[in-house]
Amino acid sequence: MSDYKHHFLFHKKNFVIVLIGLAVMLLGFFAMMLAPNTDPTVYNEKELYGFRTTVLAPVLVLLGLVIQVVAIMMKPKNLPEKEV
């Protein structure tokens, strides 16, 4: 038997950052989805194509994706040395 010590690739800090990124992405999707118009028969272009749905929501989704990449690429500070 070998004395191989198993260690996880992600640590608690990575998982917390992943959850934060997921929350930011979900917030962006909810901002895209929620329409302030209550009457479905009325087409209000200013509400449908406003700042929230065309700028803020996509920026939040992209920011969430960037946070996910940072969480995946972040190295833990105290990695065990590779044993030969």
Protein backbone atom coordinates (compact mmCIF):
# COMPACT_ATOMS: atom_id res chain seq x y z
CA MET A 1 0.00 0.00 0.00
CA SER A 2 1.14 3.51 -0.71
CA ASP A 3 1.08 6.39 1.71
CA TYR A 4 -0.85 8.61 -0.68
CA LYS A 5 -2.67 11.37 1.19
CA HIS A 6 -5.88 12.40 -0.50
CA HIS A 7 -6.76 16.06 -0.47
CA PHE A 8 -9.70 17.89 -1.97
CA LEU A 9 -9.14 20.17 -4.91
CA PHE A 10 -11.48 22.83 -3.50
CA HIS A 11 -11.51 24.11 0.04
CA LYS A 12 -14.22 25.84 2.04
CA LYS A 13 -13.23 29.26 0.70
CA ASN A 14 -13.63 28.04 -2.89
CA PHE A 15 -17.09 26.67 -2.18
CA VAL A 16 -18.19 29.92 -0.53
CA ILE A 17 -17.03 31.91 -3.57
CA VAL A 18 -18.85 29.46 -5.88
CA LEU A 19 -22.06 29.99 -3.90
CA ILE A 20 -21.63 33.78 -4.08
CA GLY A 21 -21.16 33.57 -7.85
CA LEU A 22 -24.24 31.38 -8.15
CA ALA A 23 -26.27 33.87 -6.11
CA VAL A 24 -25.13 36.77 -8.32
CA MET A 25 -26.06 34.84 -11.48
CA LEU A 26 -29.48 33.93 -10.07
CA LEU A 27 -30.05 37.57 -9.14
CA GLY A 28 -29.27 38.52 -12.74
CA PHE A 29 -31.68 35.92 -14.12
CA PHE A 30 -34.43 37.07 -11.76
CA ALA A 31 -33.81 40.68 -12.80
CA MET A 32 -34.27 39.61 -16.43
CA MET A 33 -37.33 37.56 -15.68
CA LEU A 34 -39.36 39.84 -13.45
CA ALA A 35 -41.35 42.28 -15.54
CA PRO A 36 -42.97 45.23 -13.77
CA ASN A 37 -45.96 45.19 -16.17
CA THR A 38 -49.04 43.59 -14.58
CA ASP A 39 -51.38 43.74 -17.59
CA PRO A 40 -50.36 41.17 -20.26
CA THR A 41 -52.44 42.88 -22.95
CA VAL A 42 -50.47 46.15 -22.75
CA TYR A 43 -47.11 46.39 -24.53
CA ASN A 44 -44.96 48.94 -22.78
CA GLU A 45 -41.62 49.17 -24.57
CA LYS A 46 -39.99 51.39 -21.93
CA GLU A 47 -40.62 48.84 -19.18
CA LEU A 48 -39.71 45.82 -21.29
CA TYR A 49 -36.47 47.25 -22.68
CA GLY A 50 -35.43 49.29 -19.65
CA PHE A 51 -32.08 49.54 -17.92
CA ARG A 52 -32.77 46.61 -15.59
CA THR A 53 -33.52 44.04 -18.28
CA THR A 54 -31.05 45.13 -20.97
CA VAL A 55 -28.02 46.28 -18.96
CA LEU A 56 -28.14 45.36 -15.28
CA ALA A 57 -29.30 41.75 -15.59
CA PRO A 58 -26.74 40.65 -18.23
CA VAL A 59 -23.95 42.39 -16.33
CA LEU A 60 -24.94 40.51 -13.16
CA VAL A 61 -24.95 37.18 -15.01
CA LEU A 62 -21.53 37.85 -16.53
CA LEU A 63 -20.17 39.00 -13.18
CA GLY A 64 -21.43 35.77 -11.62
CA LEU A 65 -19.62 33.77 -14.30
CA VAL A 66 -16.40 35.68 -13.65
CA ILE A 67 -16.75 34.96 -9.93
CA GLN A 68 -17.18 31.26 -10.76
CA VAL A 69 -13.98 31.25 -12.81
CA VAL A 70 -12.11 32.98 -9.97
CA ALA A 71 -13.41 30.40 -7.50
CA ILE A 72 -12.29 27.53 -9.71
CA MET A 73 -8.85 28.96 -10.47
CA MET A 74 -8.04 30.07 -6.91
CA LYS A 75 -5.35 27.93 -5.30
CA PRO A 76 -5.46 27.17 -1.61
CA LYS A 77 -2.56 28.73 0.27
CA ASN A 78 -1.43 25.63 2.14
CA LEU A 79 -1.29 22.87 -0.44
CA PRO A 80 0.57 19.77 0.70
CA GLU A 81 3.79 19.19 -1.17
CA LYS A 82 3.79 16.48 -3.79
CA GLU A 83 5.35 13.34 -2.42
CA VAL A 84 7.48 11.32 -4.78
